[in-house]
């Protein structure tokens, strides 16, 4: 499981956080086979939360770079 925000080093970059979020997303789907069975309701909620946070992190990078 990825570290919680309080466990992340203070020098954590947006790219580091995006990598953490991607790893957590991949972990939800790991070992599920193909075709993957549907996620449980709790897993879907976690997946949506992770996607939303990843979107915020990546949009922050685009805004900063622009």
C-alpha atoms as a PDB file:
ATOM      1  CA  UNK A   1       0.000   0.000   0.000  1.00  0.00           C
ATOM      2  CA  UNK A   2       1.367   3.448  -0.837  1.00  0.00           C
ATOM      3  CA  UNK A   3       2.420   5.682   2.033  1.00  0.00           C
ATOM      4  CA  UNK A   4      -0.112   8.091   3.465  1.00  0.00           C
ATOM      5  CA  UNK A   5       0.516  11.817   2.978  1.00  0.00           C
ATOM      6  CA  UNK A   6       2.073  12.111   6.442  1.00  0.00           C
ATOM      7  CA  UNK A   7       4.509   9.289   5.639  1.00  0.00           C
ATOM      8  CA  UNK A   8       5.749  10.865   2.388  1.00  0.00           C
ATOM      9  CA  UNK A   9       9.055  12.695   2.505  1.00  0.00           C
ATOM     10  CA  UNK A  10       8.750  16.488   2.452  1.00  0.00           C
ATOM     11  CA  UNK A  11      10.576  16.568  -0.907  1.00  0.00           C
ATOM     12  CA  UNK A  12       7.944  14.416  -2.633  1.00  0.00           C
ATOM     13  CA  UNK A  13       7.323  15.797  -6.101  1.00  0.00           C
ATOM     14  CA  UNK A  14       4.159  15.622  -8.160  1.00  0.00           C
ATOM     15  CA  UNK A  15       5.854  12.960 -10.290  1.00  0.00           C
ATOM     16  CA  UNK A  16       6.596  10.913  -7.147  1.00  0.00           C
ATOM     17  CA  UNK A  17       2.976  11.204  -6.025  1.00  0.00           C
ATOM     18  CA  UNK A  18       1.695  10.287  -9.488  1.00  0.00           C
ATOM     19  CA  UNK A  19       3.904   7.177  -9.420  1.00  0.00           C
ATOM     20  CA  UNK A  20       2.502   6.246  -5.986  1.00  0.00           C
ATOM     21  CA  UNK A  21      -1.057   6.693  -7.206  1.00  0.00           C
ATOM     22  CA  UNK A  22      -0.395   4.666 -10.362  1.00  0.00           C
ATOM     23  CA  UNK A  23       1.055   1.856  -8.243  1.00  0.00           C
ATOM     24  CA  UNK A  24      -2.034   1.869  -6.017  1.00  0.00           C
ATOM     25  CA  UNK A  25      -4.318   1.784  -9.073  1.00  0.00           C
ATOM     26  CA  UNK A  26      -2.367  -1.114 -10.590  1.00  0.00           C
ATOM     27  CA  UNK A  27      -2.531  -2.965  -7.262  1.00  0.00           C
ATOM     28  CA  UNK A  28      -6.335  -2.865  -7.366  1.00  0.00           C
ATOM     29  CA  UNK A  29      -6.275  -4.748 -10.680  1.00  0.00           C
ATOM     30  CA  UNK A  30      -3.268  -7.028 -10.050  1.00  0.00           C
ATOM     31  CA  UNK A  31      -3.902 -10.755 -10.252  1.00  0.00           C
ATOM     32  CA  UNK A  32      -7.521 -10.341 -11.339  1.00  0.00           C
ATOM     33  CA  UNK A  33      -7.049 -12.264 -14.591  1.00  0.00           C
ATOM     34  CA  UNK A  34      -8.410 -11.500 -18.014  1.00  0.00           C
ATOM     35  CA  UNK A  35     -11.110 -10.587 -18.406  1.00  0.00           C
ATOM     36  CA  UNK A  36     -10.949  -9.078 -14.942  1.00  0.00           C
ATOM     37  CA  UNK A  37     -13.979  -9.628 -12.724  1.00  0.00           C
ATOM     38  CA  UNK A  38     -15.761  -6.441 -11.639  1.00  0.00           C
ATOM     39  CA  UNK A  39     -14.374  -4.522  -8.683  1.00  0.00           C
ATOM     40  CA  UNK A  40     -16.345  -4.611  -5.463  1.00  0.00           C
ATOM     41  CA  UNK A  41     -18.218  -1.468  -4.446  1.00  0.00           C
ATOM     42  CA  UNK A  42     -15.442  -0.562  -1.971  1.00  0.00           C
ATOM     43  CA  UNK A  43     -12.768  -1.178  -4.607  1.00  0.00           C
ATOM     44  CA  UNK A  44     -14.655   0.975  -7.133  1.00  0.00           C
ATOM     45  CA  UNK A  45     -14.866   3.796  -4.594  1.00  0.00           C
ATOM     46  CA  UNK A  46     -11.119   3.537  -3.905  1.00  0.00           C
ATOM     47  CA  UNK A  47     -10.393   3.406  -7.648  1.00  0.00           C
ATOM     48  CA  UNK A  48     -12.440   6.561  -8.241  1.00  0.00           C
ATOM     49  CA  UNK A  49     -10.719   8.314  -5.329  1.00  0.00           C
ATOM     50  CA  UNK A  50      -7.278   7.384  -6.675  1.00  0.00           C
ATOM     51  CA  UNK A  51      -8.187   8.522 -10.198  1.00  0.00           C
ATOM     52  CA  UNK A  52      -9.472  11.866  -8.901  1.00  0.00           C
ATOM     53  CA  UNK A  53      -6.311  12.453  -6.875  1.00  0.00           C
ATOM     54  CA  UNK A  54      -4.131  11.440  -9.837  1.00  0.00           C
ATOM     55  CA  UNK A  55      -6.055  13.910 -12.003  1.00  0.00           C
ATOM     56  CA  UNK A  56      -5.460  16.690  -9.469  1.00  0.00           C
ATOM     57  CA  UNK A  57      -1.741  15.872  -9.278  1.00  0.00           C
ATOM     58  CA  UNK A  58      -1.265  15.744 -13.042  1.00  0.00           C
ATOM     59  CA  UNK A  59      -3.334  18.881 -13.678  1.00  0.00           C
ATOM     60  CA  UNK A  60      -1.229  20.656 -11.089  1.00  0.00           C
ATOM     61  CA  UNK A  61       1.858  19.789 -13.127  1.00  0.00           C
ATOM     62  CA  UNK A  62       0.291  21.123 -16.324  1.00  0.00           C
ATOM     63  CA  UNK A  63      -0.804  24.350 -14.656  1.00  0.00           C
ATOM     64  CA  UNK A  64       2.634  24.890 -13.122  1.00  0.00           C
ATOM     65  CA  UNK A  65       4.415  24.189 -16.398  1.00  0.00           C
ATOM     66  CA  UNK A  66       2.175  26.412 -18.520  1.00  0.00           C
END
